[in-house]
Amino acid sequence: MAKVPTKETIKRRTISDMKKLGVHKSQYNRLIDIYSELVHQYLTLNEKFEEGEYEVQVFTAAGGAKKSPIVATLENLRKDILAYSDRLCLNPKSLENVTAEKESKSKLAGVLSRLE
């Protein structure tokens, strides 16, 4: 079983992905922190879910069955991760609606880069 990446690893990868997509700004780092924590929690709980042999139901004291708490938590985390990934433009649908800002070079930088 693969090791769950740390929150910091997830954060670095997220920032790297956002930079490649041209949508990263340092002002988003607080949202990226929350997103990274959610992804870390999801991966950690998913690993426990796998270890529990994917138990999807638990039995109540009354003898009935209900959704396992870990399944409910995973579902909520998935929804939260999706919402944050939309805000951070990390999925194709949200990226369609965004115009990424390109860093514009000054005229001097453009001339100097052609001299190399």
N, C-alpha and C. Protein backbone atom coordinates (compact mmCIF):
# COMPACT_ATOMS: atom_id res chain seq x y z
N MET A 1 0.84 -1.18 0.00
CA MET A 1 0.00 0.00 0.00
C MET A 1 0.89 1.24 0.00
N ALA A 2 0.56 2.20 -0.81
CA ALA A 2 1.35 3.42 -0.92
C ALA A 2 1.21 4.26 0.35
N LYS A 3 2.29 4.92 0.70
CA LYS A 3 2.31 5.79 1.87
C LYS A 3 1.53 7.07 1.56
N VAL A 4 0.75 7.53 2.52
CA VAL A 4 -0.02 8.76 2.36
C VAL A 4 0.95 9.94 2.40
N PRO A 5 0.90 10.81 1.38
CA PRO A 5 1.80 11.98 1.39
C PRO A 5 1.44 12.93 2.52
N THR A 6 2.43 13.67 2.98
CA THR A 6 2.20 14.64 4.04
C THR A 6 1.41 15.82 3.51
N LYS A 7 0.87 16.60 4.43
CA LYS A 7 0.13 17.80 4.04
C LYS A 7 1.04 18.75 3.28
N GLU A 8 2.29 18.88 3.70
CA GLU A 8 3.23 19.77 3.02
C GLU A 8 3.54 19.31 1.60
N THR A 9 3.66 18.00 1.41
CA THR A 9 3.90 17.45 0.07
C THR A 9 2.70 17.76 -0.83
N ILE A 10 1.52 17.57 -0.31
CA ILE A 10 0.30 17.85 -1.08
C ILE A 10 0.24 19.34 -1.42
N LYS A 11 0.61 20.17 -0.46
CA LYS A 11 0.60 21.63 -0.69
C LYS A 11 1.59 22.01 -1.78
N ARG A 12 2.82 21.48 -1.72
CA ARG A 12 3.83 21.79 -2.74
C ARG A 12 3.37 21.34 -4.12
N ARG A 13 2.80 20.15 -4.20
CA ARG A 13 2.31 19.64 -5.49
C ARG A 13 1.16 20.49 -6.03
N THR A 14 0.28 20.91 -5.13
CA THR A 14 -0.85 21.74 -5.53
C THR A 14 -0.37 23.07 -6.09
N ILE A 15 0.56 23.70 -5.38
CA ILE A 15 1.10 24.98 -5.86
C ILE A 15 1.80 24.79 -7.20
N SER A 16 2.56 23.70 -7.33
CA SER A 16 3.24 23.41 -8.59
C SER A 16 2.23 23.24 -9.73
N ASP A 17 1.17 22.48 -9.46
CA ASP A 17 0.13 22.27 -10.48
C ASP A 17 -0.53 23.59 -10.86
N MET A 18 -0.82 24.42 -9.87
CA MET A 18 -1.46 25.70 -10.15
C MET A 18 -0.55 26.61 -10.96
N LYS A 19 0.74 26.57 -10.67
CA LYS A 19 1.68 27.39 -11.44
C LYS A 19 1.74 26.92 -12.89
N LYS A 20 1.72 25.60 -13.10
CA LYS A 20 1.73 25.07 -14.46
C LYS A 20 0.48 25.48 -15.23
N LEU A 21 -0.64 25.59 -14.51
CA LEU A 21 -1.89 25.99 -15.14
C LEU A 21 -2.01 27.51 -15.27
N GLY A 22 -1.09 28.24 -14.65
CA GLY A 22 -1.11 29.70 -14.72
C GLY A 22 -2.16 30.34 -13.84
N VAL A 23 -2.55 29.67 -12.75
CA VAL A 23 -3.61 30.21 -11.89
C VAL A 23 -3.17 30.45 -10.45
N HIS A 24 -1.89 30.29 -10.15
CA HIS A 24 -1.43 30.45 -8.76
C HIS A 24 -1.13 31.90 -8.43
N LYS A 25 -1.59 32.30 -7.25
CA LYS A 25 -1.24 33.58 -6.65
C LYS A 25 -0.96 33.30 -5.18
N SER A 26 -0.01 34.01 -4.61
CA SER A 26 0.34 33.75 -3.21
C SER A 26 -0.84 34.03 -2.26
N GLN A 27 -1.77 34.85 -2.68
CA GLN A 27 -2.94 35.14 -1.86
C GLN A 27 -3.82 33.91 -1.65
N TYR A 28 -3.66 32.90 -2.49
CA TYR A 28 -4.47 31.68 -2.39
C TYR A 28 -3.89 30.68 -1.40
N ASN A 29 -2.75 30.96 -0.81
CA ASN A 29 -2.06 29.96 0.02
C ASN A 29 -2.87 29.50 1.22
N ARG A 30 -3.70 30.36 1.81
CA ARG A 30 -4.55 29.90 2.92
C ARG A 30 -5.57 28.87 2.44
N LEU A 31 -6.15 29.11 1.27
CA LEU A 31 -7.08 28.13 0.71
C LEU A 31 -6.35 26.84 0.36
N ILE A 32 -5.13 26.98 -0.14
CA ILE A 32 -4.34 25.80 -0.49
C ILE A 32 -4.02 25.00 0.76
N ASP A 33 -3.76 25.67 1.90
CA ASP A 33 -3.53 24.98 3.17
C ASP A 33 -4.74 24.13 3.55
N ILE A 34 -5.92 24.72 3.46
CA ILE A 34 -7.14 23.99 3.81
C ILE A 34 -7.35 22.83 2.86
N TYR A 35 -7.20 23.09 1.57
CA TYR A 35 -7.34 22.03 0.56
C TYR A 35 -6.36 20.89 0.83
N SER A 36 -5.12 21.22 1.14
CA SER A 36 -4.10 20.20 1.40
C SER A 36 -4.46 19.36 2.61
N GLU A 37 -4.98 20.00 3.64
CA GLU A 37 -5.40 19.28 4.85
C GLU A 37 -6.56 18.34 4.53
N LEU A 38 -7.52 18.81 3.75
CA LEU A 38 -8.66 17.97 3.36
C LEU A 38 -8.21 16.75 2.56
N VAL A 39 -7.30 16.96 1.62
CA VAL A 39 -6.80 15.84 0.81
C VAL A 39 -6.03 14.86 1.68
N HIS A 40 -5.23 15.38 2.60
CA HIS A 40 -4.48 14.51 3.52
C HIS A 40 -5.43 13.68 4.38
N GLN A 41 -6.45 14.32 4.94
CA GLN A 41 -7.44 13.60 5.74
C GLN A 41 -8.14 12.54 4.91
N TYR A 42 -8.51 12.89 3.69
CA TYR A 42 -9.20 11.94 2.81
C TYR A 42 -8.32 10.72 2.55
N LEU A 43 -7.06 10.95 2.19
CA LEU A 43 -6.17 9.83 1.88
C LEU A 43 -5.91 8.96 3.11
N THR A 44 -5.78 9.59 4.28
CA THR A 44 -5.56 8.84 5.52
C THR A 44 -6.78 7.99 5.86
N LEU A 45 -7.97 8.59 5.79
CA LEU A 45 -9.20 7.84 6.09
C LEU A 45 -9.46 6.76 5.06
N ASN A 46 -9.15 7.04 3.80
CA ASN A 46 -9.35 6.04 2.77
C ASN A 46 -8.46 4.82 3.01
N GLU A 47 -7.24 5.06 3.49
CA GLU A 47 -6.35 3.96 3.82
C GLU A 47 -6.93 3.12 4.96
N LYS A 48 -7.50 3.77 5.97
CA LYS A 48 -8.13 3.05 7.09
C LYS A 48 -9.35 2.28 6.59
N PHE A 49 -10.09 2.87 5.65
CA PHE A 49 -11.26 2.22 5.08
C PHE A 49 -10.84 0.94 4.35
N GLU A 50 -9.74 1.02 3.60
CA GLU A 50 -9.21 -0.16 2.91
C GLU A 50 -8.79 -1.23 3.92
N GLU A 51 -8.12 -0.81 4.98
CA GLU A 51 -7.67 -1.76 6.01
C GLU A 51 -8.85 -2.43 6.70
N GLY A 52 -9.97 -1.72 6.79
CA GLY A 52 -11.19 -2.26 7.39
C GLY A 52 -11.99 -3.09 6.40
N GLU A 53 -11.36 -3.44 5.30
CA GLU A 53 -11.97 -4.26 4.25
C GLU A 53 -13.26 -3.64 3.71
N TYR A 54 -13.24 -2.33 3.55
CA TYR A 54 -14.32 -1.59 2.93
C TYR A 54 -15.68 -1.83 3.60
N GLU A 55 -15.70 -1.79 4.91
CA GLU A 55 -16.94 -1.98 5.64
C GLU A 55 -17.83 -0.75 5.42
N VAL A 56 -18.94 -0.94 4.71
CA VAL A 56 -19.79 0.19 4.34
C VAL A 56 -21.00 0.35 5.25
N GLN A 57 -21.30 -0.67 6.03
CA GLN A 57 -22.44 -0.59 6.94
C GLN A 57 -22.02 -1.02 8.34
N VAL A 58 -22.65 -0.41 9.32
CA VAL A 58 -22.51 -0.83 10.71
C VAL A 58 -23.90 -1.11 11.24
N PHE A 59 -23.96 -1.95 12.22
CA PHE A 59 -25.26 -2.31 12.78
C PHE A 59 -25.54 -1.49 14.03
N THR A 60 -26.79 -1.06 14.15
CA THR A 60 -27.20 -0.24 15.28
C THR A 60 -27.61 -1.14 16.43
N ALA A 61 -27.79 -0.54 17.60
CA ALA A 61 -28.23 -1.29 18.78
C ALA A 61 -29.62 -1.87 18.57
N ALA A 62 -30.42 -1.22 17.74
CA ALA A 62 -31.77 -1.69 17.46
C ALA A 62 -31.78 -2.85 16.46
N GLY A 63 -30.63 -3.22 15.94
CA GLY A 63 -30.55 -4.33 15.01
C GLY A 63 -30.58 -3.95 13.55
N GLY A 64 -30.75 -2.69 13.25
CA GLY A 64 -30.75 -2.23 11.87
C GLY A 64 -29.34 -1.93 11.39
N ALA A 65 -29.24 -1.56 10.16
CA ALA A 65 -27.92 -1.21 9.58
C ALA A 65 -27.95 0.24 9.13
N LYS A 66 -26.81 0.89 9.24
CA LYS A 66 -26.68 2.25 8.75
C LYS A 66 -25.31 2.42 8.10
N LYS A 67 -25.17 3.51 7.38
CA LYS A 67 -23.91 3.80 6.70
C LYS A 67 -22.79 3.93 7.73
N SER A 68 -21.67 3.34 7.43
CA SER A 68 -20.50 3.42 8.29
C SER A 68 -20.08 4.88 8.45
N PRO A 69 -19.69 5.31 9.66
CA PRO A 69 -19.25 6.70 9.85
C PRO A 69 -18.08 7.07 8.95
N ILE A 70 -17.17 6.14 8.69
CA ILE A 70 -16.03 6.46 7.83
C ILE A 70 -16.47 6.71 6.39
N VAL A 71 -17.50 6.00 5.94
CA VAL A 71 -18.02 6.22 4.59
C VAL A 71 -18.66 7.61 4.50
N ALA A 72 -19.43 7.98 5.50
CA ALA A 72 -20.06 9.30 5.51
C ALA A 72 -19.00 10.40 5.53
N THR A 73 -17.95 10.21 6.33
CA THR A 73 -16.88 11.20 6.40
C THR A 73 -16.15 11.31 5.06
N LEU A 74 -15.86 10.18 4.43
CA LEU A 74 -15.20 10.19 3.12
C LEU A 74 -16.06 10.92 2.07
N GLU A 75 -17.36 10.69 2.11
CA GLU A 75 -18.26 11.37 1.16
C GLU A 75 -18.22 12.88 1.37
N ASN A 76 -18.26 13.31 2.63
CA ASN A 76 -18.21 14.75 2.91
C ASN A 76 -16.87 15.36 2.50
N LEU A 77 -15.79 14.63 2.75
CA LEU A 77 -14.48 15.13 2.35
C LEU A 77 -14.39 15.25 0.83
N ARG A 78 -14.94 14.29 0.10
CA ARG A 78 -14.94 14.36 -1.36
C ARG A 78 -15.64 15.62 -1.84
N LYS A 79 -16.80 15.92 -1.25
CA LYS A 79 -17.54 17.13 -1.64
C LYS A 79 -16.74 18.39 -1.32
N ASP A 80 -16.12 18.42 -0.15
CA ASP A 80 -15.32 19.59 0.23
C ASP A 80 -14.11 19.76 -0.68
N ILE A 81 -13.44 18.65 -0.98
CA ILE A 81 -12.27 18.70 -1.87
C ILE A 81 -12.68 19.20 -3.25
N LEU A 82 -13.81 18.73 -3.73
CA LEU A 82 -14.30 19.19 -5.03
C LEU A 82 -14.57 20.69 -5.02
N ALA A 83 -15.19 21.17 -3.95
CA ALA A 83 -15.49 22.61 -3.85
C ALA A 83 -14.20 23.43 -3.84
N TYR A 84 -13.21 23.00 -3.06
CA TYR A 84 -11.95 23.73 -3.01
C TYR A 84 -11.19 23.61 -4.34
N SER A 85 -11.22 22.44 -4.97
CA SER A 85 -10.51 22.29 -6.24
C SER A 85 -11.15 23.18 -7.30
N ASP A 86 -12.46 23.40 -7.22
CA ASP A 86 -13.12 24.34 -8.12
C ASP A 86 -12.59 25.75 -7.90
N ARG A 87 -12.52 26.17 -6.65
CA ARG A 87 -12.06 27.52 -6.32
C ARG A 87 -10.60 27.73 -6.72
N LEU A 88 -9.80 26.67 -6.63
CA LEU A 88 -8.38 26.77 -6.96
C LEU A 88 -8.09 26.46 -8.42
N CYS A 89 -9.15 26.22 -9.21
CA CYS A 89 -9.04 25.93 -10.65
C CYS A 89 -8.18 24.70 -10.93
N LEU A 90 -8.41 23.65 -10.16
CA LEU A 90 -7.62 22.43 -10.30
C LEU A 90 -8.36 21.32 -11.03
N ASN A 91 -9.52 21.63 -11.58
CA ASN A 91 -10.19 20.61 -12.38
C ASN A 91 -10.61 21.22 -13.71
N PRO A 92 -10.80 20.39 -14.71
CA PRO A 92 -11.06 20.90 -16.07
C PRO A 92 -12.28 21.82 -16.18
N LYS A 93 -13.34 21.50 -15.46
CA LYS A 93 -14.57 22.30 -15.59
C LYS A 93 -14.36 23.72 -15.07
N SER A 94 -13.70 23.85 -13.92
CA SER A 94 -13.49 25.20 -13.37
C SER A 94 -12.46 25.97 -14.18
N LEU A 95 -11.51 25.27 -14.77
CA LEU A 95 -10.47 25.93 -15.55
C LEU A 95 -11.02 26.51 -16.85
N GLU A 96 -12.12 25.93 -17.37
CA GLU A 96 -12.74 26.44 -18.59
C GLU A 96 -13.24 27.87 -18.40
N ASN A 97 -13.64 28.21 -17.18
CA ASN A 97 -14.27 29.50 -16.90
C ASN A 97 -13.28 30.57 -16.44
N VAL A 98 -11.99 30.26 -16.46
CA VAL A 98 -10.99 31.17 -15.93
C VAL A 98 -10.04 31.60 -17.03
N THR A 99 -9.69 32.86 -16.99
CA THR A 99 -8.65 33.36 -17.88
C THR A 99 -7.40 33.51 -17.04
N ALA A 100 -6.43 32.66 -17.28
CA ALA A 100 -5.19 32.70 -16.51
C ALA A 100 -4.40 33.93 -16.89
N GLU A 101 -3.84 34.56 -15.87
CA GLU A 101 -3.01 35.75 -16.12
C GLU A 101 -1.62 35.31 -16.51
N LYS A 102 -1.14 35.83 -17.58
CA LYS A 102 0.22 35.56 -18.04
C LYS A 102 1.10 36.69 -17.53
N GLU A 103 2.30 36.32 -17.06
CA GLU A 103 3.23 37.36 -16.64
C GLU A 103 3.74 38.06 -17.89
N SER A 104 3.53 39.36 -17.95
CA SER A 104 3.98 40.09 -19.12
C SER A 104 5.40 40.60 -18.87
N LYS A 105 6.22 40.45 -19.87
CA LYS A 105 7.59 40.94 -19.79
C LYS A 105 7.61 42.41 -20.18
N SER A 106 8.50 43.11 -19.55
CA SER A 106 8.67 44.50 -19.95
C SER A 106 9.35 44.52 -21.31
N LYS A 107 9.31 45.64 -21.98
CA LYS A 107 9.95 45.74 -23.29
C LYS A 107 11.45 45.51 -23.17
N LEU A 108 12.04 46.02 -22.09
CA LEU A 108 13.47 45.84 -21.86
C LEU A 108 13.80 44.37 -21.67
N ALA A 109 13.00 43.65 -20.89
CA ALA A 109 13.24 42.22 -20.67
C ALA A 109 13.12 41.44 -21.97
N GLY A 110 12.17 41.84 -22.82
CA GLY A 110 12.00 41.19 -24.11
C GLY A 110 13.21 41.38 -25.01
N VAL A 111 13.73 42.59 -25.04
CA VAL A 111 14.91 42.88 -25.86
C VAL A 111 16.12 42.13 -25.33
N LEU A 112 16.30 42.15 -24.02
CA LEU A 112 17.46 41.46 -23.41
C LEU A 112 17.40 39.95 -23.62
N SER A 113 16.20 39.36 -23.57
CA SER A 113 16.09 37.92 -23.76
C SER A 113 16.44 37.51 -25.20
N ARG A 114 16.22 38.41 -26.17
CA ARG A 114 16.57 38.11 -27.55
C ARG A 114 18.06 38.23 -27.81
N LEU A 115 18.77 38.92 -26.94
CA LEU A 115 20.21 39.09 -27.10
C LEU A 115 21.02 37.84 -26.69
N GLU A 116 20.43 36.97 -25.96
CA GLU A 116 21.15 35.79 -25.44
C GLU A 116 21.48 34.80 -26.50
